[in-house]
C-alpha atoms as a PDB file:
ATOM      1  CA  MET A   1      -3.324  -4.594 -12.947  1.00  0.00           C
ATOM      2  CA  GLU A   2      -5.870  -3.445 -15.390  1.00  0.00           C
ATOM      3  CA  PHE A   3      -5.307   0.173 -14.566  1.00  0.00           C
ATOM      4  CA  VAL A   4      -1.688  -0.256 -15.622  1.00  0.00           C
ATOM      5  CA  ARG A   5      -2.512  -2.140 -18.745  1.00  0.00           C
ATOM      6  CA  GLN A   6      -5.105   0.634 -20.067  1.00  0.00           C
ATOM      7  CA  LEU A   7      -2.767   3.681 -19.054  1.00  0.00           C
ATOM      8  CA  ALA A   8      -0.021   2.199 -20.664  1.00  0.00           C
ATOM      9  CA  GLN A   9      -2.053   2.188 -24.113  1.00  0.00           C
ATOM     10  CA  ASP A  10      -1.045   5.482 -24.531  1.00  0.00           C
ATOM     11  CA  PRO A  11       2.761   5.712 -25.407  1.00  0.00           C
ATOM     12  CA  GLN A  12       2.874   9.376 -23.837  1.00  0.00           C
ATOM     13  CA  ASN A  13       2.034   7.989 -20.443  1.00  0.00           C
ATOM     14  CA  THR A  14       4.806   6.816 -17.877  1.00  0.00           C
ATOM     15  CA  VAL A  15       3.097   4.204 -16.002  1.00  0.00           C
ATOM     16  CA  ILE A  16       4.620   3.206 -12.648  1.00  0.00           C
ATOM     17  CA  GLY A  17       3.019   0.155 -10.702  1.00  0.00           C
ATOM     18  CA  LEU A  18       3.812  -0.526  -6.926  1.00  0.00           C
ATOM     19  CA  ALA A  19       3.918  -4.074  -6.314  1.00  0.00           C
ATOM     20  CA  ARG A  20       5.136  -6.206  -3.153  1.00  0.00           C
ATOM     21  CA  ASN A  21       6.813  -8.538  -5.854  1.00  0.00           C
ATOM     22  CA  THR A  22       7.766  -7.023  -8.958  1.00  0.00           C
ATOM     23  CA  LYS A  23       8.262 -10.702 -10.512  1.00  0.00           C
ATOM     24  CA  ASP A  24       4.712 -11.476  -9.701  1.00  0.00           C
ATOM     25  CA  ALA A  25       3.369  -8.129 -10.991  1.00  0.00           C
ATOM     26  CA  LEU A  26       5.132  -9.202 -14.211  1.00  0.00           C
ATOM     27  CA  SER A  27       3.694 -12.582 -14.413  1.00  0.00           C
ATOM     28  CA  ARG A  28       0.304 -11.156 -13.625  1.00  0.00           C
ATOM     29  CA  TYR A  29       0.694  -8.648 -16.531  1.00  0.00           C
ATOM     30  CA  GLY A  30       0.679 -11.761 -18.620  1.00  0.00           C
ATOM     31  CA  GLU A  31       3.116 -10.313 -21.580  1.00  0.00           C
ATOM     32  CA  THR A  32       5.857  -8.046 -21.866  1.00  0.00           C
ATOM     33  CA  PRO A  33       5.081  -4.541 -20.636  1.00  0.00           C
ATOM     34  CA  PRO A  34       5.701  -1.855 -23.036  1.00  0.00           C
ATOM     35  CA  THR A  35       8.413   0.386 -22.787  1.00  0.00           C
ATOM     36  CA  ASN A  36       6.306   3.043 -20.881  1.00  0.00           C
ATOM     37  CA  VAL A  37       5.649   0.551 -17.963  1.00  0.00           C
ATOM     38  CA  THR A  38       7.808   0.021 -15.045  1.00  0.00           C
ATOM     39  CA  PHE A  39       6.924  -1.831 -11.915  1.00  0.00           C
ATOM     40  CA  ILE A  40       8.527  -0.812  -8.365  1.00  0.00           C
ATOM     41  CA  GLU A  41       8.730  -2.834  -5.414  1.00  0.00           C
ATOM     42  CA  ALA A  42       6.882  -1.224  -2.463  1.00  0.00           C
ATOM     43  CA  ASP A  43       4.618  -2.280   0.466  1.00  0.00           C
ATOM     44  CA  ILE A  44       2.264   0.268   1.570  1.00  0.00           C
ATOM     45  CA  LEU A  45       2.625  -1.040   5.178  1.00  0.00           C
ATOM     46  CA  ASN A  46       6.335  -0.307   5.213  1.00  0.00           C
ATOM     47  CA  LEU A  47       7.223   3.403   4.999  1.00  0.00           C
ATOM     48  CA  ASP A  48      10.624   2.914   3.957  1.00  0.00           C
ATOM     49  CA  SER A  49       9.924   1.119   0.951  1.00  0.00           C
ATOM     50  CA  LEU A  50       7.402   3.784  -0.082  1.00  0.00           C
ATOM     51  CA  LYS A  51      10.032   6.396   0.230  1.00  0.00           C
ATOM     52  CA  SER A  52      12.395   4.249  -1.959  1.00  0.00           C
ATOM     53  CA  ALA A  53       9.469   3.949  -4.377  1.00  0.00           C
ATOM     54  CA  ALA A  54       8.741   7.598  -4.586  1.00  0.00           C
ATOM     55  CA  SER A  55      12.555   8.080  -4.983  1.00  0.00           C
ATOM     56  CA  LYS A  56      12.608   5.973  -7.997  1.00  0.00           C
ATOM     57  CA  THR A  57       9.331   7.381  -9.261  1.00  0.00           C
ATOM     58  CA  GLU A  58      10.776  10.797  -9.200  1.00  0.00           C
ATOM     59  CA  SER A  59      13.791   9.668 -11.093  1.00  0.00           C
ATOM     60  CA  LEU A  60      11.656   8.153 -13.973  1.00  0.00           C
ATOM     61  CA  THR A  61       9.217  11.211 -14.249  1.00  0.00           C
ATOM     62  CA  GLY A  62      11.499  14.070 -13.957  1.00  0.00           C
ATOM     63  CA  GLY A  63      10.539  14.884 -10.383  1.00  0.00           C
ATOM     64  CA  LYS A  64       6.908  14.898 -10.668  1.00  0.00           C
ATOM     65  CA  LEU A  65       3.898  12.928 -10.826  1.00  0.00           C
ATOM     66  CA  ASP A  66       0.527  13.729 -12.230  1.00  0.00           C
ATOM     67  CA  TYR A  67      -1.837  11.095 -10.924  1.00  0.00           C
ATOM     68  CA  LEU A  68      -1.786   8.644  -8.142  1.00  0.00           C
ATOM     69  CA  ILE A  69      -4.268   5.602  -7.763  1.00  0.00           C
ATOM     70  CA  ASN A  70      -4.631   3.716  -4.434  1.00  0.00           C
ATOM     71  CA  ASN A  71      -5.611   0.180  -5.537  1.00  0.00           C
ATOM     72  CA  ALA A  72      -4.447  -1.838  -2.911  1.00  0.00           C
ATOM     73  CA  ALA A  73      -6.814  -3.144  -0.374  1.00  0.00           C
ATOM     74  CA  TYR A  74      -7.211  -5.923   2.307  1.00  0.00           C
ATOM     75  CA  ILE A  75     -10.370  -8.107   1.901  1.00  0.00           C
ATOM     76  CA  SER A  76     -10.488 -10.551   4.705  1.00  0.00           C
ATOM     77  CA  ASN A  77     -11.585 -14.139   4.403  1.00  0.00           C
ATOM     78  CA  THR A  78     -11.953 -14.309   8.261  1.00  0.00           C
ATOM     79  CA  SER A  79     -15.203 -11.792   8.317  1.00  0.00           C
ATOM     80  CA  ALA A  80     -16.074 -11.788   4.597  1.00  0.00           C
ATOM     81  CA  PHE A  81     -19.468 -13.668   5.116  1.00  0.00           C
ATOM     82  CA  LYS A  82     -19.806 -13.226   8.918  1.00  0.00           C
ATOM     83  CA  THR A  83     -21.654 -10.668  10.726  1.00  0.00           C
ATOM     84  CA  LEU A  84     -20.229  -8.457  13.800  1.00  0.00           C
ATOM     85  CA  GLY A  85     -22.563 -10.773  15.970  1.00  0.00           C
ATOM     86  CA  ASP A  86     -20.831 -13.869  14.976  1.00  0.00           C
ATOM     87  CA  PHE A  87     -17.546 -12.804  16.835  1.00  0.00           C
ATOM     88  CA  SER A  88     -19.588 -12.263  20.138  1.00  0.00           C
ATOM     89  CA  ASP A  89     -17.618 -15.374  21.593  1.00  0.00           C
ATOM     90  CA  ASP A  90     -14.574 -14.566  19.618  1.00  0.00           C
ATOM     91  CA  PRO A  91     -13.763 -10.850  20.393  1.00  0.00           C
ATOM     92  CA  ASP A  92      -9.724 -11.514  19.890  1.00  0.00           C
ATOM     93  CA  THR A  93     -10.395 -12.709  16.025  1.00  0.00           C
ATOM     94  CA  LEU A  94     -12.664  -9.547  15.424  1.00  0.00           C
ATOM     95  CA  ALA A  95     -10.051  -7.208  16.882  1.00  0.00           C
ATOM     96  CA  LYS A  96      -7.299  -8.779  14.855  1.00  0.00           C
ATOM     97  CA  ASP A  97      -9.366  -8.784  11.736  1.00  0.00           C
ATOM     98  CA  LEU A  98     -10.402  -5.157  12.275  1.00  0.00           C
ATOM     99  CA  THR A  99      -6.777  -4.143  12.693  1.00  0.00           C
ATOM    100  CA  ALA A 100      -5.671  -5.619   9.800  1.00  0.00           C
ATOM    101  CA  SER A 101      -8.354  -4.045   7.882  1.00  0.00           C
ATOM    102  CA  PHE A 102      -7.788  -0.607   9.026  1.00  0.00           C
ATOM    103  CA  THR A 103      -3.859  -0.785   8.898  1.00  0.00           C
ATOM    104  CA  THR A 104      -4.158  -1.571   5.135  1.00  0.00           C
ATOM    105  CA  ASN A 105      -6.997   0.056   3.790  1.00  0.00           C
ATOM    106  CA  VAL A 106      -6.533   3.350   6.042  1.00  0.00           C
ATOM    107  CA  VAL A 107      -3.003   3.816   7.141  1.00  0.00           C
ATOM    108  CA  GLY A 108      -1.563   2.227   4.113  1.00  0.00           C
ATOM    109  CA  VAL A 109      -3.438   4.526   1.716  1.00  0.00           C
ATOM    110  CA  ILE A 110      -2.681   7.603   4.006  1.00  0.00           C
ATOM    111  CA  GLN A 111       1.238   6.582   4.132  1.00  0.00           C
ATOM    112  CA  THR A 112       1.059   6.307   0.222  1.00  0.00           C
ATOM    113  CA  ILE A 113      -0.356   9.492  -0.224  1.00  0.00           C
ATOM    114  CA  ASN A 114       1.736  11.333   2.227  1.00  0.00           C
ATOM    115  CA  VAL A 115       4.864  10.054   0.422  1.00  0.00           C
ATOM    116  CA  PHE A 116       3.835  10.831  -3.004  1.00  0.00           C
ATOM    117  CA  VAL A 117       2.269  14.454  -2.194  1.00  0.00           C
ATOM    118  CA  PRO A 118       5.684  16.219  -2.882  1.00  0.00           C
ATOM    119  CA  LEU A 119       5.685  14.703  -6.357  1.00  0.00           C
ATOM    120  CA  LEU A 120       2.014  15.488  -6.959  1.00  0.00           C
ATOM    121  CA  ARG A 121       2.389  19.181  -6.049  1.00  0.00           C
ATOM    122  CA  LYS A 122       4.995  19.240  -8.914  1.00  0.00           C
ATOM    123  CA  GLY A 123       2.646  17.763 -11.389  1.00  0.00           C
ATOM    124  CA  THR A 124       0.313  19.170 -13.615  1.00  0.00           C
ATOM    125  CA  GLU A 125      -2.946  17.339 -12.813  1.00  0.00           C
ATOM    126  CA  LYS A 126      -2.240  16.737  -9.160  1.00  0.00           C
ATOM    127  CA  LYS A 127      -4.957  14.191  -8.866  1.00  0.00           C
ATOM    128  CA  VAL A 128      -5.367  11.419  -6.214  1.00  0.00           C
ATOM    129  CA  LEU A 129      -7.708   8.536  -6.904  1.00  0.00           C
ATOM    130  CA  THR A 130      -8.720   6.020  -3.846  1.00  0.00           C
ATOM    131  CA  LEU A 131     -10.982   2.876  -4.799  1.00  0.00           C
ATOM    132  CA  SER A 132     -13.614   2.241  -2.187  1.00  0.00           C
ATOM    133  CA  THR A 133     -16.904   0.427  -2.004  1.00  0.00           C
ATOM    134  CA  GLY A 134     -20.527   0.562  -1.978  1.00  0.00           C
ATOM    135  CA  MET A 135     -20.126  -1.703   1.314  1.00  0.00           C
ATOM    136  CA  ALA A 136     -18.724   1.756   3.122  1.00  0.00           C
ATOM    137  CA  ASP A 137     -22.021   3.654   2.136  1.00  0.00           C
ATOM    138  CA  ALA A 138     -24.278   3.643   5.335  1.00  0.00           C
ATOM    139  CA  ASP A 139     -27.335   4.237   3.195  1.00  0.00           C
ATOM    140  CA  MET A 140     -26.736   1.257   1.206  1.00  0.00           C
ATOM    141  CA  ILE A 141     -26.001  -0.982   3.890  1.00  0.00           C
ATOM    142  CA  ASN A 142     -29.207   0.061   5.740  1.00  0.00           C
ATOM    143  CA  HIS A 143     -31.212   0.001   2.363  1.00  0.00           C
ATOM    144  CA  VAL A 144     -29.719  -3.611   1.331  1.00  0.00           C
ATOM    145  CA  GLU A 145     -29.159  -4.764   4.885  1.00  0.00           C
ATOM    146  CA  ILE A 146     -25.602  -5.892   4.251  1.00  0.00           C
ATOM    147  CA  ASP A 147     -24.863  -7.302   7.788  1.00  0.00           C
ATOM    148  CA  VAL A 148     -21.407  -9.259   6.751  1.00  0.00           C
ATOM    149  CA  ALA A 149     -17.783  -8.167   6.063  1.00  0.00           C
ATOM    150  CA  ALA A 150     -17.909  -5.216   8.658  1.00  0.00           C
ATOM    151  CA  PRO A 151     -14.220  -4.815   9.175  1.00  0.00           C
ATOM    152  CA  TYR A 152     -13.910  -4.264   5.200  1.00  0.00           C
ATOM    153  CA  SER A 153     -16.668  -1.887   5.370  1.00  0.00           C
ATOM    154  CA  ILE A 154     -15.671   0.116   8.424  1.00  0.00           C
ATOM    155  CA  SER A 155     -12.046   0.554   7.173  1.00  0.00           C
ATOM    156  CA  LYS A 156     -13.370   1.638   3.650  1.00  0.00           C
ATOM    157  CA  ALA A 157     -15.666   4.130   5.428  1.00  0.00           C
ATOM    158  CA  ALA A 158     -12.699   5.327   7.310  1.00  0.00           C
ATOM    159  CA  VAL A 159     -10.758   5.744   4.240  1.00  0.00           C
ATOM    160  CA  ASN A 160     -13.391   7.814   2.633  1.00  0.00           C
ATOM    161  CA  VAL A 161     -13.179  10.285   5.579  1.00  0.00           C
ATOM    162  CA  ALA A 162      -9.553  10.516   5.158  1.00  0.00           C
ATOM    163  CA  VAL A 163      -9.900  11.116   1.275  1.00  0.00           C
ATOM    164  CA  ALA A 164     -12.232  13.931   2.502  1.00  0.00           C
ATOM    165  CA  LYS A 165      -9.974  15.108   4.961  1.00  0.00           C
ATOM    166  CA  TYR A 166      -7.159  15.483   2.259  1.00  0.00           C
ATOM    167  CA  ASN A 167      -9.730  17.262   0.087  1.00  0.00           C
ATOM    168  CA  ALA A 168     -10.235  19.802   2.823  1.00  0.00           C
ATOM    169  CA  LEU A 169      -6.578  20.421   3.135  1.00  0.00           C
ATOM    170  CA  TYR A 170      -5.364  20.506  -0.460  1.00  0.00           C
ATOM    171  CA  LYS A 171      -8.095  21.672  -2.756  1.00  0.00           C
ATOM    172  CA  LYS A 172      -7.428  25.392  -1.959  1.00  0.00           C
ATOM    173  CA  GLU A 173      -3.979  25.193  -1.383  1.00  0.00           C
ATOM    174  CA  ASP A 174      -1.699  27.976  -2.237  1.00  0.00           C
ATOM    175  CA  PRO A 175       1.854  27.804  -0.977  1.00  0.00           C
ATOM    176  CA  SER A 176       2.024  31.329   0.044  1.00  0.00           C
ATOM    177  CA  ASP A 177      -0.774  31.145   2.716  1.00  0.00           C
ATOM    178  CA  GLU A 178      -0.366  27.531   3.912  1.00  0.00           C
ATOM    179  CA  GLU A 179       0.690  28.344   6.996  1.00  0.00           C
ATOM    180  CA  ALA A 180      -2.179  31.041   7.611  1.00  0.00           C
ATOM    181  CA  ARG A 181      -4.659  28.492   6.876  1.00  0.00           C
ATOM    182  CA  LYS A 182      -3.821  26.243   9.785  1.00  0.00           C
ATOM    183  CA  GLY A 183      -4.924  26.464  13.398  1.00  0.00           C
ATOM    184  CA  MET A 184      -8.422  27.078  15.018  1.00  0.00           C
ATOM    185  CA  MET A 185      -8.642  30.417  13.394  1.00  0.00           C
ATOM    186  CA  ALA A 186      -9.040  29.081   9.963  1.00  0.00           C
ATOM    187  CA  LEU A 187     -11.177  26.289  11.272  1.00  0.00           C
ATOM    188  CA  GLY A 188     -13.380  28.709  12.839  1.00  0.00           C
ATOM    189  CA  ALA A 189     -13.790  30.603   9.444  1.00  0.00           C
ATOM    190  CA  LYS A 190     -14.659  27.273   7.771  1.00  0.00           C
ATOM    191  CA  PHE A 191     -17.225  26.590  10.681  1.00  0.00           C
ATOM    192  CA  ALA A 192     -18.898  30.044  10.123  1.00  0.00           C
ATOM    193  CA  ALA A 193     -19.285  29.635   6.330  1.00  0.00           C
ATOM    194  CA  TYR A 194     -20.819  26.162   7.006  1.00  0.00           C
ATOM    195  CA  ALA A 195     -23.057  27.740   9.705  1.00  0.00           C
ATOM    196  CA  PRO A 196     -23.336  31.349  10.004  1.00  0.00           C
ATOM    197  CA  HIS A 197     -25.603  30.900  13.311  1.00  0.00           C
ATOM    198  CA  PHE A 198     -22.506  28.654  14.928  1.00  0.00           C
ATOM    199  CA  THR A 199     -20.681  30.990  17.742  1.00  0.00           C
ATOM    200  CA  ALA A 200     -19.355  28.135  20.170  1.00  0.00           C
ATOM    201  CA  PRO A 201     -19.670  24.594  20.818  1.00  0.00           C
ATOM    202  CA  ILE A 202     -22.735  23.893  22.953  1.00  0.00           C
ATOM    203  CA  GLN A 203     -22.318  22.904  26.552  1.00  0.00           C
ATOM    204  CA  PRO A 204     -22.153  19.275  27.565  1.00  0.00           C
ATOM    205  CA  ASP A 205     -25.667  19.187  29.218  1.00  0.00           C
ATOM    206  CA  GLU A 206     -27.385  20.684  26.239  1.00  0.00           C
ATOM    207  CA  SER A 207     -25.545  18.241  23.946  1.00  0.00           C
ATOM    208  CA  ALA A 208     -26.746  15.320  26.235  1.00  0.00           C
ATOM    209  CA  ARG A 209     -30.152  16.622  26.157  1.00  0.00           C
ATOM    210  CA  GLN A 210     -30.655  16.806  22.420  1.00  0.00           C
ATOM    211  CA  VAL A 211     -28.941  13.363  21.911  1.00  0.00           C
ATOM    212  CA  LEU A 212     -31.079  11.754  24.414  1.00  0.00           C
ATOM    213  CA  LYS A 213     -33.969  13.060  22.869  1.00  0.00           C
ATOM    214  CA  LEU A 214     -32.998  11.675  19.322  1.00  0.00           C
ATOM    215  CA  PHE A 215     -32.194   8.440  21.144  1.00  0.00           C
ATOM    216  CA  LYS A 216     -35.766   8.302  22.719  1.00  0.00           C
ATOM    217  CA  ASN A 217     -37.572   9.251  19.535  1.00  0.00           C
ATOM    218  CA  ALA A 218     -35.492   6.986  17.304  1.00  0.00           C
ATOM    219  CA  SER A 219     -37.301   3.695  15.903  1.00  0.00           C
ATOM    220  CA  LEU A 220     -36.687   0.970  13.257  1.00  0.00           C
ATOM    221  CA  GLU A 221     -40.134   1.787  12.048  1.00  0.00           C
ATOM    222  CA  LYS A 222     -39.069   5.452  11.333  1.00  0.00           C
ATOM    223  CA  GLY A 223     -36.031   3.944   9.536  1.00  0.00           C
ATOM    224  CA  ASP A 224     -33.484   5.328  12.252  1.00  0.00           C
ATOM    225  CA  GLY A 225     -31.792   2.010  12.469  1.00  0.00           C
ATOM    226  CA  GLY A 226     -27.772   2.452  11.573  1.00  0.00           C
ATOM    227  CA  SER A 227     -28.405   5.869  10.758  1.00  0.00           C
ATOM    228  CA  PHE A 228     -25.589   8.682  10.648  1.00  0.00           C
ATOM    229  CA  ILE A 229     -27.014  11.872  12.272  1.00  0.00           C
ATOM    230  CA  SER A 230     -26.071  14.980  14.330  1.00  0.00           C
ATOM    231  CA  HIS A 231     -27.516  15.894  17.473  1.00  0.00           C
ATOM    232  CA  LEU A 232     -30.050  17.933  15.367  1.00  0.00           C
ATOM    233  CA  GLY A 233     -31.195  14.760  14.038  1.00  0.00           C
ATOM    234  CA  ASN A 234     -30.076  15.311  10.235  1.00  0.00           C
ATOM    235  CA  LYS A 235     -26.544  16.081   8.401  1.00  0.00           C
ATOM    236  CA  GLN A 236     -26.278  19.295   9.974  1.00  0.00           C
ATOM    237  CA  TRP A 237     -23.296  19.211  12.152  1.00  0.00           C
ATOM    238  CA  LEU A 238     -23.161  22.577  13.807  1.00  0.00           C
END
């Protein structure tokens, strides 16, 4: 709600807030919203409601959108102060919590972005902000030893990857060559730029050999616990 309040301070902004219940949103706002604020009912888990919200947004903004802020999130009470080990005898509860976290924090965000991309393409700024958390940073988790709230952290780490995927998809978008960028040829060119020495995937036996070597040499004393590394033992993936 604070995003809405602050953005509405500029009368030149047309601010649209999506809420599952617009009456509750107006109540939370705490005062009569200025004329440049509109609340639209939508549930990020309901694709039809998102499409309806996008259509209403289009009519309010002249068919375009400059900014999209993904602020909705599911923070579970079930696992907020529990570790993965605490669910060793209750896997069903953990599975449900992981699914609920992923569905809202990843699928819901992806659906929202996909629905509003056509309006963003017509906008001037074309910016999307997705709120994440340090709880999704593996370095921070290991350094601070944050062992609780795993479903939330895992889902937020996943949405971070989704955001990176969108960035890779759209950052150099040119409608004239959009189709040409698709497929394995384009992906191969990107891999070549990333790792000039890369010519083809290594064979399964070599892959297993390298991974097992890393596994054998890994230790907590060297800080390898919980690390996210490639078969090369670093962040070089090819």
